[in-house]
Amino acid sequence: TVFDPWANPSEVMKEYKMKSTQKIPDTKFDAIILTVAHKEFLELDFSTIMNSNTVIYDVKGVLKISISKSL
């Protein structure tokens, strides 16, 4: 699942051959990889998309907080 509030889904498909969405997915994930530094990710309630043992990998270092499985 690719979520990017800034990326146009049709352009992502054309350029990368990947389906994307500008809406927060309505599912829980085992792993979350942040690959862009959009400020929207600072406001995202990760607990809504995390499983009990989710791993978050913040490639750009956008999160300045510690996230634990206790969310």
N, C-alpha and C. Protein backbone atom coordinates (compact mmCIF):
# COMPACT_ATOMS: atom_id res chain seq x y z
N THR A 1 0.85 -1.17 0.00
CA THR A 1 0.00 0.00 0.00
C THR A 1 0.89 1.23 0.00
N VAL A 2 0.64 2.12 -0.92
CA VAL A 2 1.39 3.37 -0.99
C VAL A 2 0.44 4.52 -0.68
N PHE A 3 0.75 5.26 0.39
CA PHE A 3 -0.03 6.43 0.77
C PHE A 3 0.86 7.65 0.68
N ASP A 4 0.46 8.62 -0.13
CA ASP A 4 1.17 9.88 -0.24
C ASP A 4 0.14 10.97 -0.48
N PRO A 5 -0.10 11.83 0.50
CA PRO A 5 -1.12 12.85 0.35
C PRO A 5 -0.80 13.89 -0.73
N TRP A 6 0.43 13.96 -1.17
CA TRP A 6 0.82 14.94 -2.19
C TRP A 6 0.88 14.37 -3.60
N ALA A 7 1.11 13.08 -3.72
CA ALA A 7 1.33 12.49 -5.05
C ALA A 7 0.02 12.19 -5.77
N ASN A 8 -0.02 12.54 -7.03
CA ASN A 8 -1.17 12.23 -7.87
C ASN A 8 -1.13 10.74 -8.21
N PRO A 9 -2.17 9.98 -7.83
CA PRO A 9 -2.14 8.53 -8.07
C PRO A 9 -1.91 8.12 -9.53
N SER A 10 -2.46 8.88 -10.47
CA SER A 10 -2.26 8.52 -11.88
C SER A 10 -0.81 8.77 -12.31
N GLU A 11 -0.17 9.79 -11.76
CA GLU A 11 1.23 10.05 -12.08
C GLU A 11 2.14 9.00 -11.44
N VAL A 12 1.81 8.58 -10.23
CA VAL A 12 2.59 7.52 -9.57
C VAL A 12 2.50 6.24 -10.38
N MET A 13 1.30 5.90 -10.85
CA MET A 13 1.13 4.70 -11.66
C MET A 13 1.94 4.80 -12.95
N LYS A 14 1.86 5.94 -13.61
CA LYS A 14 2.59 6.12 -14.88
C LYS A 14 4.10 6.05 -14.68
N GLU A 15 4.60 6.71 -13.64
CA GLU A 15 6.04 6.80 -13.42
C GLU A 15 6.64 5.54 -12.78
N TYR A 16 5.94 4.98 -11.79
CA TYR A 16 6.51 3.88 -11.00
C TYR A 16 5.78 2.54 -11.13
N LYS A 17 4.65 2.55 -11.87
CA LYS A 17 3.83 1.33 -12.02
C LYS A 17 3.37 0.80 -10.66
N MET A 18 3.01 1.75 -9.77
CA MET A 18 2.54 1.41 -8.43
C MET A 18 1.21 2.11 -8.17
N LYS A 19 0.28 1.37 -7.57
CA LYS A 19 -0.99 1.96 -7.18
C LYS A 19 -0.78 2.72 -5.88
N SER A 20 -1.29 3.95 -5.81
CA SER A 20 -1.15 4.76 -4.60
C SER A 20 -2.47 5.43 -4.26
N THR A 21 -2.52 5.97 -3.07
CA THR A 21 -3.72 6.66 -2.61
C THR A 21 -3.34 7.93 -1.86
N GLN A 22 -4.23 8.90 -1.87
CA GLN A 22 -4.03 10.13 -1.12
C GLN A 22 -4.85 10.10 0.17
N LYS A 23 -5.51 8.97 0.43
CA LYS A 23 -6.33 8.79 1.61
C LYS A 23 -5.65 7.78 2.54
N ILE A 24 -5.68 8.06 3.84
CA ILE A 24 -5.08 7.14 4.80
C ILE A 24 -5.76 5.78 4.68
N PRO A 25 -4.99 4.72 4.50
CA PRO A 25 -5.56 3.38 4.36
C PRO A 25 -6.39 2.98 5.58
N ASP A 26 -7.41 2.19 5.32
CA ASP A 26 -8.30 1.72 6.37
C ASP A 26 -7.93 0.28 6.74
N THR A 27 -6.67 0.08 7.08
CA THR A 27 -6.17 -1.25 7.43
C THR A 27 -5.03 -1.10 8.42
N LYS A 28 -4.61 -2.21 8.99
CA LYS A 28 -3.47 -2.21 9.93
C LYS A 28 -2.29 -2.88 9.23
N PHE A 29 -1.09 -2.41 9.55
CA PHE A 29 0.11 -2.89 8.87
C PHE A 29 1.13 -3.47 9.85
N ASP A 30 1.89 -4.45 9.38
CA ASP A 30 2.99 -5.03 10.15
C ASP A 30 4.23 -4.14 10.08
N ALA A 31 4.36 -3.41 8.98
CA ALA A 31 5.50 -2.52 8.79
C ALA A 31 5.03 -1.25 8.09
N ILE A 32 5.60 -0.13 8.49
CA ILE A 32 5.32 1.16 7.88
C ILE A 32 6.66 1.79 7.54
N ILE A 33 6.81 2.19 6.27
CA ILE A 33 8.06 2.82 5.84
C ILE A 33 7.74 4.23 5.37
N LEU A 34 8.27 5.21 6.07
CA LEU A 34 8.11 6.61 5.68
C LEU A 34 9.27 6.97 4.76
N THR A 35 8.96 7.27 3.51
CA THR A 35 10.02 7.57 2.54
C THR A 35 10.05 9.02 2.10
N VAL A 36 9.11 9.81 2.59
CA VAL A 36 9.06 11.24 2.30
C VAL A 36 8.87 12.00 3.61
N ALA A 37 9.22 13.27 3.63
CA ALA A 37 9.18 14.06 4.87
C ALA A 37 8.00 15.04 4.89
N HIS A 38 6.84 14.58 4.48
CA HIS A 38 5.67 15.46 4.49
C HIS A 38 5.23 15.75 5.93
N LYS A 39 4.86 16.99 6.20
CA LYS A 39 4.44 17.37 7.55
C LYS A 39 3.18 16.61 7.98
N GLU A 40 2.39 16.13 7.03
CA GLU A 40 1.19 15.37 7.37
C GLU A 40 1.50 14.13 8.21
N PHE A 41 2.70 13.59 8.03
CA PHE A 41 3.07 12.39 8.80
C PHE A 41 3.32 12.72 10.27
N LEU A 42 3.63 13.97 10.57
CA LEU A 42 3.80 14.39 11.96
C LEU A 42 2.46 14.42 12.69
N GLU A 43 1.40 14.63 11.94
CA GLU A 43 0.06 14.72 12.52
C GLU A 43 -0.71 13.40 12.45
N LEU A 44 -0.14 12.40 11.83
CA LEU A 44 -0.81 11.11 11.65
C LEU A 44 -0.85 10.33 12.95
N ASP A 45 -2.01 9.80 13.29
CA ASP A 45 -2.15 8.94 14.46
C ASP A 45 -1.78 7.52 14.02
N PHE A 46 -0.53 7.16 14.21
CA PHE A 46 -0.04 5.87 13.74
C PHE A 46 -0.77 4.69 14.37
N SER A 47 -1.32 4.87 15.56
CA SER A 47 -2.00 3.76 16.23
C SER A 47 -3.19 3.26 15.42
N THR A 48 -3.74 4.09 14.54
CA THR A 48 -4.88 3.67 13.73
C THR A 48 -4.49 2.73 12.59
N ILE A 49 -3.20 2.67 12.27
CA ILE A 49 -2.77 1.81 11.16
C ILE A 49 -1.73 0.77 11.58
N MET A 50 -1.49 0.68 12.89
CA MET A 50 -0.48 -0.25 13.40
C MET A 50 -1.11 -1.52 13.98
N ASN A 51 -0.45 -2.65 13.74
CA ASN A 51 -0.75 -3.88 14.46
C ASN A 51 -0.02 -3.83 15.79
N SER A 52 -0.15 -4.87 16.60
CA SER A 52 0.48 -4.86 17.92
C SER A 52 2.01 -4.89 17.86
N ASN A 53 2.59 -5.41 16.79
CA ASN A 53 4.05 -5.51 16.67
C ASN A 53 4.60 -4.77 15.45
N THR A 54 3.96 -3.71 15.05
CA THR A 54 4.36 -2.96 13.86
C THR A 54 5.75 -2.35 14.02
N VAL A 55 6.52 -2.40 12.94
CA VAL A 55 7.83 -1.75 12.87
C VAL A 55 7.67 -0.54 11.96
N ILE A 56 8.18 0.61 12.43
CA ILE A 56 8.16 1.83 11.61
C ILE A 56 9.60 2.18 11.26
N TYR A 57 9.85 2.33 9.95
CA TYR A 57 11.17 2.72 9.48
C TYR A 57 11.04 4.10 8.86
N ASP A 58 11.65 5.09 9.48
CA ASP A 58 11.56 6.48 9.07
C ASP A 58 12.81 6.86 8.27
N VAL A 59 12.75 6.65 6.97
CA VAL A 59 13.90 6.85 6.09
C VAL A 59 14.41 8.29 6.14
N LYS A 60 13.53 9.27 6.19
CA LYS A 60 13.91 10.68 6.15
C LYS A 60 14.10 11.30 7.53
N GLY A 61 13.84 10.55 8.60
CA GLY A 61 14.00 11.09 9.94
C GLY A 61 13.00 12.18 10.27
N VAL A 62 11.80 12.09 9.71
CA VAL A 62 10.77 13.11 9.92
C VAL A 62 10.15 13.03 11.31
N LEU A 63 10.10 11.86 11.89
CA LEU A 63 9.50 11.69 13.21
C LEU A 63 10.54 12.04 14.28
N LYS A 64 10.21 12.97 15.11
CA LYS A 64 11.12 13.38 16.18
C LYS A 64 10.68 12.80 17.52
N ILE A 65 9.76 11.84 17.46
CA ILE A 65 9.24 11.23 18.68
C ILE A 65 9.52 9.75 18.67
N SER A 66 9.50 9.17 19.82
CA SER A 66 9.67 7.73 19.95
C SER A 66 8.30 7.07 19.85
N ILE A 67 8.19 6.09 19.01
CA ILE A 67 6.93 5.36 18.87
C ILE A 67 7.15 3.96 19.37
N SER A 68 6.30 3.52 20.23
CA SER A 68 6.42 2.17 20.77
C SER A 68 5.15 1.40 20.51
N LYS A 69 5.21 0.10 20.76
CA LYS A 69 4.04 -0.74 20.51
C LYS A 69 2.92 -0.48 21.50
N SER A 70 3.14 0.35 22.49
CA SER A 70 2.12 0.65 23.49
C SER A 70 1.08 1.64 22.97
N LEU A 71 1.27 2.15 21.75
CA LEU A 71 0.29 3.08 21.21
C LEU A 71 -0.99 2.36 21.11
